[in-house]
Protein backbone atom coordinates (compact mmCIF):
# COMPACT_ATOMS: atom_id res chain seq x y z
CA MET A 1 135.43 61.11 35.54
CA THR A 2 134.39 64.54 35.23
CA HIS A 3 130.57 65.53 34.37
CA LEU A 4 130.14 67.80 32.06
CA GLN A 5 127.11 69.93 32.14
CA PRO A 6 124.66 69.37 29.42
CA ALA A 7 124.22 72.27 27.05
CA PRO A 8 120.15 72.49 27.70
CA LEU A 9 121.17 72.11 32.16
CA ARG A 10 123.28 75.00 31.72
CA ALA A 11 121.18 76.90 29.36
CA TRP A 12 118.46 76.96 32.51
CA HIS A 13 121.10 77.63 35.60
CA ASP A 14 121.46 80.68 33.18
CA VAL A 15 117.99 81.75 33.44
CA VAL A 16 118.08 81.06 37.29
CA THR A 17 121.45 83.02 37.85
CA SER A 18 120.31 85.93 35.89
CA LYS A 19 116.24 85.43 36.90
CA ASP A 20 116.13 86.63 33.29
CA PRO A 21 112.74 84.86 31.74
CA ALA A 22 113.05 86.19 28.29
CA LEU A 23 115.94 83.06 28.30
CA LEU A 24 113.29 80.87 28.06
CA ASP A 25 112.43 81.39 24.53
CA ALA A 26 115.46 80.30 23.12
CA LEU A 27 115.40 77.05 25.81
CA LEU A 28 111.78 75.55 25.64
CA ALA A 29 110.32 73.95 22.86
CA ASP A 30 107.23 74.60 21.47
CA ASP A 31 105.12 72.03 22.53
CA VAL A 32 106.63 71.85 26.25
CA ASP A 33 104.65 70.51 28.96
CA PHE A 34 104.87 71.98 32.66
CA ARG A 35 103.68 69.62 35.48
CA SER A 36 102.93 71.83 38.53
CA PRO A 37 103.20 70.54 42.24
CA ALA A 38 99.84 72.28 42.38
CA VAL A 39 97.89 71.43 39.24
CA PHE A 40 97.03 67.79 38.22
CA ALA A 41 96.89 68.18 34.28
CA PRO A 42 100.22 68.91 33.14
CA GLN A 43 100.13 72.42 31.08
CA PRO A 44 100.68 72.37 27.32
CA GLY A 45 102.37 74.96 25.75
CA LYS A 46 105.17 77.45 25.31
CA ALA A 47 103.35 80.30 26.90
CA ILE A 48 102.26 78.67 29.89
CA THR A 49 105.37 76.86 30.75
CA THR A 50 106.66 80.66 30.36
CA ALA A 51 104.54 82.10 32.77
CA TYR A 52 104.76 79.23 35.32
CA LEU A 53 108.37 79.62 35.38
CA SER A 54 109.09 83.17 34.95
CA ALA A 55 106.61 83.17 38.19
CA ALA A 56 109.07 80.86 39.72
CA LEU A 57 112.14 83.21 39.10
CA VAL A 58 109.90 86.18 41.14
CA VAL A 59 109.00 83.73 43.68
CA LEU A 60 111.46 81.05 44.21
CA GLY A 61 114.61 83.02 42.64
CA PRO A 62 115.50 84.99 45.74
CA THR A 63 116.41 82.36 48.33
CA LEU A 64 116.46 79.77 45.53
CA ARG A 65 119.43 76.82 45.89
CA TYR A 66 119.81 74.15 43.77
CA THR A 67 121.92 71.20 46.94
CA ALA A 68 122.52 68.41 43.92
CA GLU A 69 121.95 67.82 40.13
CA TRP A 70 122.21 64.39 38.09
CA SER A 71 122.00 64.47 34.53
CA ASP A 72 122.75 62.35 31.78
CA GLU A 73 122.16 63.36 27.25
CA SER A 74 118.24 64.10 27.57
CA SER A 75 117.14 64.24 30.85
CA ALA A 76 118.29 65.95 34.45
CA VAL A 77 116.94 66.11 37.86
CA LEU A 78 117.87 69.40 40.32
CA GLU A 79 117.19 69.37 43.56
CA PHE A 80 116.19 72.58 45.73
CA GLU A 81 115.89 74.39 48.56
CA ALA A 82 114.11 77.90 49.20
CA ASP A 83 112.98 80.39 51.97
CA LEU A 84 109.84 81.53 51.58
CA ASP A 85 110.02 84.31 55.12
CA GLY A 86 110.49 81.71 56.96
CA VAL A 87 108.69 79.32 55.31
CA TYR A 88 110.55 75.86 53.62
CA VAL A 89 110.47 74.45 50.71
CA GLN A 90 112.34 71.70 48.87
CA GLY A 91 112.00 69.92 45.68
CA VAL A 92 113.16 68.78 42.45
CA ASP A 93 112.75 70.06 39.39
CA MET A 94 113.17 67.50 36.57
CA MET A 95 113.22 68.24 32.48
CA ARG A 96 113.91 66.36 29.80
CA TRP A 97 115.21 68.02 26.63
CA ASN A 98 114.94 67.40 22.89
CA ALA A 99 118.00 67.00 20.22
CA ASP A 100 117.86 70.56 19.45
CA GLY A 101 118.63 71.06 23.23
CA ARG A 102 115.21 72.20 23.87
CA LEU A 103 113.12 71.52 26.54
CA THR A 104 110.39 69.31 26.23
CA SER A 105 109.54 68.77 29.93
CA PHE A 106 109.26 70.48 33.33
CA THR A 107 108.19 68.75 36.43
CA VAL A 108 108.67 70.11 39.85
CA ILE A 109 108.02 68.46 42.47
CA VAL A 110 107.95 70.17 46.07
CA ARG A 111 107.50 69.12 49.99
CA PRO A 112 106.70 69.35 53.30
CA LEU A 113 102.98 70.16 52.52
CA ARG A 114 103.29 73.32 54.09
CA GLY A 115 105.85 74.68 51.90
CA LEU A 116 103.95 74.00 48.93
CA GLN A 117 101.04 75.93 50.16
CA GLU A 118 102.97 78.88 50.41
CA LEU A 119 104.13 78.57 47.09
CA ILE A 120 100.60 77.47 45.50
CA THR A 121 99.74 81.03 47.43
CA ARG A 122 102.39 83.26 45.84
CA MET A 123 102.44 82.09 42.61
CA ALA A 124 98.74 82.56 42.54
CA ALA A 125 99.87 86.25 42.81
CA GLN A 126 102.40 86.05 40.12
CA LEU A 127 100.40 84.41 37.50
CA PRO A 128 97.56 85.25 34.82
CA SER A 129 94.79 84.17 35.96
CA GLN A 130 93.92 81.66 33.50
């Protein structure tokens, strides 16, 4: 049985492949919540989610490689790896979308600790001051 990739998941892969944050506008719901591995509370809204995901495209984008994915009609989990100048990062992106195909939730979980620390440092350099 062939599993067809849901449209929002295909759209996310298009963002990652093109490294074009402008594509996020059509993909993110206005009320999307972003959950960072470095910040305790969810970060609500399209603007902050766009900022985090745009920064991640710069930081992880050059070596980001999805190694597995699971999805159903309204959510997906994608396992990834990246190399930050010799620092290994492994993680998962968990996303949910609404009936309109727009992401309503994007959660990132990262390991190991050294990789998370390096990711935090590099993301902080990319993100505008909060």
